[in-house]
Amino acid sequence: MPPSREEPRGLVEALLSGRYATLGDVPARPGRADAPPIVPASALTERPARDIVAELDASAAAPEPARWRPVRYQLTCAVADLDDVLAFTAPAPLAVYVTDVDDSALAATAQALTDAGHIPGLAVGHGVDAIADFLSVLAHATTGYVARVADADGVLALLGATAAALSGFDVREAVVAPDPGRLVRLVPEATDALREILLAVEVDDPGVVARDLAVRGLVTR
């Protein structure tokens, strides 16, 4: 179960999202590090028994309000479609990955998304300077952000960089050489502030990544 509001939230508590083709593919017993799984909206033919992130197809019709809402919708679009996405109001929070945005426009794109009330998505492949500029936007936004990475090293870099952006440390150094010890020593208030910014990280295998993070000292409570 996720931590109650009275309990301090761990850094990796409900952080890691997996992607699944159908609800039937979602593990029946989520781990403590598991965030709501990502499932195509087209595969959600009935009300899920648990919290879900519904992935939208950019070429499909917009979702209609329903008797239940996912934790959030998720959409991947191109820069050419960004204006339409910015004007779109979803029936639940909307996370947006812009696939072909280059490093020089990453922060400005994140600003435009947060101004529209959407949640920016940070995918792998961006340079250190672009990530630092992106986080300088998110550190002062109310939407938070989501991310996609390949492995535990990527998760650790995001945690370290987000902590640095909130505390005034060198974000670039935190991306390149994150310090697990510093993260473990964060006080509960700092951990909560970090997780209000970094909402979830999509990985191929949440269980494997959670175990790799535990080896580095980042364990669930």
Protein backbone atom coordinates (compact mmCIF):
# COMPACT_ATOMS: atom_id res chain seq x y z
CA MET A 1 0.00 0.00 0.00
CA PRO A 2 1.18 3.56 -0.57
CA PRO A 3 2.26 5.52 2.49
CA SER A 4 -0.46 7.44 4.28
CA ARG A 5 -0.34 11.21 4.36
CA GLU A 6 0.84 10.97 7.99
CA GLU A 7 3.86 8.85 7.04
CA PRO A 8 7.00 10.35 5.50
CA ARG A 9 7.34 9.30 1.88
CA GLY A 10 10.51 7.47 0.88
CA LEU A 11 12.47 8.58 -2.16
CA VAL A 12 11.55 5.49 -4.17
CA GLU A 13 8.12 4.94 -2.64
CA ALA A 14 5.66 4.44 -5.54
CA LEU A 15 8.22 5.96 -7.93
CA LEU A 16 8.73 3.35 -10.68
CA SER A 17 6.17 2.86 -13.45
CA GLY A 18 6.09 -0.06 -15.85
CA ARG A 19 4.36 -0.12 -19.22
CA TYR A 20 1.91 -2.93 -20.05
CA ALA A 21 -0.15 -3.80 -23.12
CA THR A 22 -3.27 -4.74 -21.15
CA LEU A 23 -4.56 -4.68 -17.59
CA GLY A 24 -4.09 -8.43 -17.51
CA ASP A 25 -0.35 -7.97 -17.93
CA VAL A 26 -0.04 -5.77 -14.85
CA PRO A 27 1.48 -7.64 -11.87
CA ALA A 28 -1.22 -8.55 -9.38
CA ARG A 29 0.85 -7.58 -6.34
CA PRO A 30 2.73 -4.31 -6.79
CA GLY A 31 5.90 -3.66 -4.86
CA ARG A 32 6.40 -0.69 -2.56
CA ALA A 33 8.44 1.08 -5.25
CA ASP A 34 5.78 0.55 -7.93
CA ALA A 35 3.91 3.60 -9.18
CA PRO A 36 0.62 3.20 -11.06
CA PRO A 37 1.27 1.18 -14.23
CA ILE A 38 0.95 2.65 -17.71
CA VAL A 39 -1.67 0.99 -19.93
CA PRO A 40 -3.03 2.16 -23.31
CA ALA A 41 -6.35 3.94 -22.87
CA SER A 42 -7.73 1.82 -25.70
CA ALA A 43 -7.13 -1.31 -23.58
CA LEU A 44 -9.16 0.01 -20.64
CA THR A 45 -12.51 -1.52 -21.51
CA GLU A 46 -13.63 -1.75 -17.89
CA ARG A 47 -12.98 0.12 -14.67
CA PRO A 48 -9.58 -0.91 -13.31
CA ALA A 49 -9.31 -2.32 -9.82
CA ARG A 50 -6.27 -0.12 -9.10
CA ASP A 51 -4.82 3.25 -10.01
CA ILE A 52 -3.72 3.42 -13.65
CA VAL A 53 -1.92 5.84 -15.97
CA ALA A 54 -3.85 5.80 -19.25
CA GLU A 55 -1.68 6.34 -22.31
CA LEU A 56 -3.39 8.22 -25.11
CA ASP A 57 -2.85 7.77 -28.83
CA ALA A 58 -2.14 11.19 -30.33
CA SER A 59 -4.07 10.20 -33.47
CA ALA A 60 -7.16 8.98 -31.57
CA ALA A 61 -10.17 10.91 -30.32
CA ALA A 62 -9.81 12.84 -27.08
CA PRO A 63 -10.94 10.99 -23.95
CA GLU A 64 -14.41 11.68 -22.62
CA PRO A 65 -15.18 12.19 -18.93
CA ALA A 66 -16.02 8.84 -17.33
CA ARG A 67 -17.28 7.53 -14.02
CA TRP A 68 -13.65 6.91 -13.02
CA ARG A 69 -10.47 8.84 -13.70
CA PRO A 70 -6.96 7.54 -14.14
CA VAL A 71 -4.23 8.95 -11.95
CA ARG A 72 -3.21 10.81 -15.09
CA TYR A 73 -3.23 10.54 -18.83
CA GLN A 74 0.01 10.29 -20.75
CA LEU A 75 0.63 11.43 -24.30
CA THR A 76 3.60 11.41 -26.65
CA CYS A 77 3.54 14.01 -29.38
CA ALA A 78 5.77 15.82 -31.86
CA VAL A 79 6.73 19.48 -31.67
CA ALA A 80 4.43 20.11 -34.63
CA ASP A 81 1.45 19.00 -32.52
CA LEU A 82 2.41 20.90 -29.38
CA ASP A 83 0.05 23.84 -29.90
CA ASP A 84 -2.92 21.47 -30.09
CA VAL A 85 -1.78 19.69 -26.93
CA LEU A 86 -1.34 22.97 -25.06
CA ALA A 87 -4.94 23.89 -25.89
CA PHE A 88 -6.27 20.48 -24.79
CA THR A 89 -8.01 20.00 -21.44
CA ALA A 90 -8.08 16.39 -20.28
CA PRO A 91 -10.52 14.98 -17.69
CA ALA A 92 -7.47 14.07 -15.54
CA PRO A 93 -3.92 15.43 -15.27
CA LEU A 94 -2.00 15.05 -18.54
CA ALA A 95 1.70 14.18 -18.83
CA VAL A 96 3.26 15.04 -22.18
CA TYR A 97 6.45 13.76 -23.80
CA VAL A 98 7.55 15.75 -26.84
CA THR A 99 9.63 13.35 -28.90
CA ASP A 100 11.58 15.60 -31.22
CA VAL A 101 12.28 18.60 -28.99
CA ASP A 102 15.96 19.49 -29.05
CA ASP A 103 18.06 20.48 -26.08
CA SER A 104 17.86 24.19 -26.79
CA ALA A 105 14.05 24.14 -26.59
CA LEU A 106 13.55 21.61 -23.79
CA ALA A 107 13.18 24.12 -20.94
CA ALA A 108 10.92 26.43 -22.97
CA THR A 109 8.73 23.47 -23.91
CA ALA A 110 8.50 22.45 -20.26
CA GLN A 111 7.52 26.01 -19.34
CA ALA A 112 4.79 26.05 -21.98
CA LEU A 113 3.43 22.73 -20.72
CA THR A 114 3.38 23.81 -17.08
CA ASP A 115 1.76 27.11 -18.02
CA ALA A 116 -1.01 25.05 -19.67
CA GLY A 117 -1.38 22.95 -16.52
CA HIS A 118 0.21 19.86 -18.08
CA ILE A 119 2.98 17.69 -16.65
CA PRO A 120 6.21 17.75 -18.70
CA GLY A 121 7.85 14.44 -19.55
CA LEU A 122 11.65 14.11 -19.60
CA ALA A 123 12.91 11.32 -21.83
CA VAL A 124 16.43 9.92 -22.08
CA GLY A 125 18.86 11.40 -24.55
CA HIS A 126 19.07 15.03 -23.43
CA GLY A 127 22.34 16.69 -22.46
CA VAL A 128 23.32 17.71 -18.96
CA ASP A 129 22.83 21.43 -19.60
CA ALA A 130 19.36 20.86 -21.05
CA ILE A 131 18.35 18.73 -18.04
CA ALA A 132 19.59 21.42 -15.67
CA ASP A 133 17.57 24.09 -17.50
CA PHE A 134 14.51 21.80 -17.53
CA LEU A 135 14.76 21.30 -13.77
CA SER A 136 15.19 25.02 -13.17
CA VAL A 137 11.69 25.38 -14.65
CA LEU A 138 10.18 22.48 -12.72
CA ALA A 139 11.66 23.56 -9.40
CA HIS A 140 9.32 26.57 -9.53
CA ALA A 141 6.29 24.86 -11.11
CA THR A 142 3.31 23.23 -9.43
CA THR A 143 2.78 20.40 -11.92
CA GLY A 144 5.77 18.19 -11.22
CA TYR A 145 7.29 16.07 -13.97
CA VAL A 146 7.59 12.47 -15.09
CA ALA A 147 10.52 10.79 -16.79
CA ARG A 148 11.68 7.79 -18.78
CA VAL A 149 15.06 6.18 -18.15
CA ALA A 150 16.79 2.91 -18.94
CA ASP A 151 17.94 1.72 -15.53
CA ALA A 152 18.68 2.44 -11.88
CA ASP A 153 21.57 4.73 -12.82
CA GLY A 154 19.12 6.93 -14.70
CA VAL A 155 16.72 7.01 -11.75
CA LEU A 156 19.55 7.89 -9.39
CA ALA A 157 20.66 10.74 -11.68
CA LEU A 158 17.13 12.16 -11.74
CA LEU A 159 16.75 11.95 -7.98
CA GLY A 160 20.11 13.62 -7.43
CA ALA A 161 19.51 16.32 -10.02
CA THR A 162 16.03 17.12 -8.72
CA ALA A 163 17.34 17.36 -5.16
CA ALA A 164 20.10 19.67 -6.36
CA ALA A 165 17.65 21.89 -8.27
CA LEU A 166 15.58 22.33 -5.12
CA SER A 167 18.51 22.97 -2.79
CA GLY A 168 20.81 25.13 -4.90
CA PHE A 169 23.53 22.54 -5.46
CA ASP A 170 25.17 21.92 -8.84
CA VAL A 171 22.54 20.15 -10.96
CA ARG A 172 25.02 19.24 -13.69
CA GLU A 173 27.32 17.53 -11.22
CA ALA A 174 24.37 15.68 -9.70
CA VAL A 175 23.37 14.32 -13.13
CA VAL A 176 26.89 13.14 -13.98
CA ALA A 177 27.91 11.91 -10.52
CA PRO A 178 24.88 11.51 -8.24
CA ASP A 179 25.62 10.88 -4.57
CA PRO A 180 23.37 8.15 -3.12
CA GLY A 181 24.61 8.97 0.37
CA ARG A 182 23.37 12.55 0.12
CA LEU A 183 19.98 11.31 -1.06
CA VAL A 184 19.71 8.82 1.79
CA ARG A 185 20.47 11.62 4.27
CA LEU A 186 17.66 13.90 3.04
CA VAL A 187 15.29 14.90 5.81
CA PRO A 188 11.62 13.91 5.32
CA GLU A 189 10.60 17.45 4.34
CA ALA A 190 13.23 17.52 1.58
CA THR A 191 12.19 14.08 0.39
CA ASP A 192 8.56 15.15 0.19
CA ALA A 193 9.52 18.29 -1.73
CA LEU A 194 11.57 16.24 -4.18
CA ARG A 195 8.74 13.78 -4.79
CA GLU A 196 6.26 16.59 -5.34
CA ILE A 197 8.45 17.52 -8.31
CA LEU A 198 9.50 14.05 -9.56
CA LEU A 199 6.18 12.22 -9.75
CA ALA A 200 7.16 8.95 -11.42
CA VAL A 201 9.87 7.37 -13.55
CA GLU A 202 9.04 4.90 -16.31
CA VAL A 203 11.41 1.94 -16.55
CA ASP A 204 11.32 -1.38 -18.38
CA ASP A 205 11.31 -3.54 -15.24
CA PRO A 206 10.36 -1.77 -11.98
CA GLY A 207 11.28 -4.79 -9.86
CA VAL A 208 14.81 -5.02 -11.20
CA VAL A 209 15.36 -1.27 -10.90
CA ALA A 210 14.01 -1.24 -7.33
CA ARG A 211 16.48 -3.96 -6.36
CA ASP A 212 19.35 -2.10 -8.02
CA LEU A 213 18.41 1.07 -6.14
CA ALA A 214 18.25 -0.87 -2.87
CA VAL A 215 21.85 -2.00 -3.42
CA ARG A 216 22.76 1.70 -3.55
CA GLY A 217 20.98 2.29 -0.24
CA LEU A 218 17.72 3.68 -1.64
CA VAL A 219 15.12 1.38 -0.14
CA THR A 220 11.38 1.65 0.41
CA ARG A 221 10.19 2.12 3.97
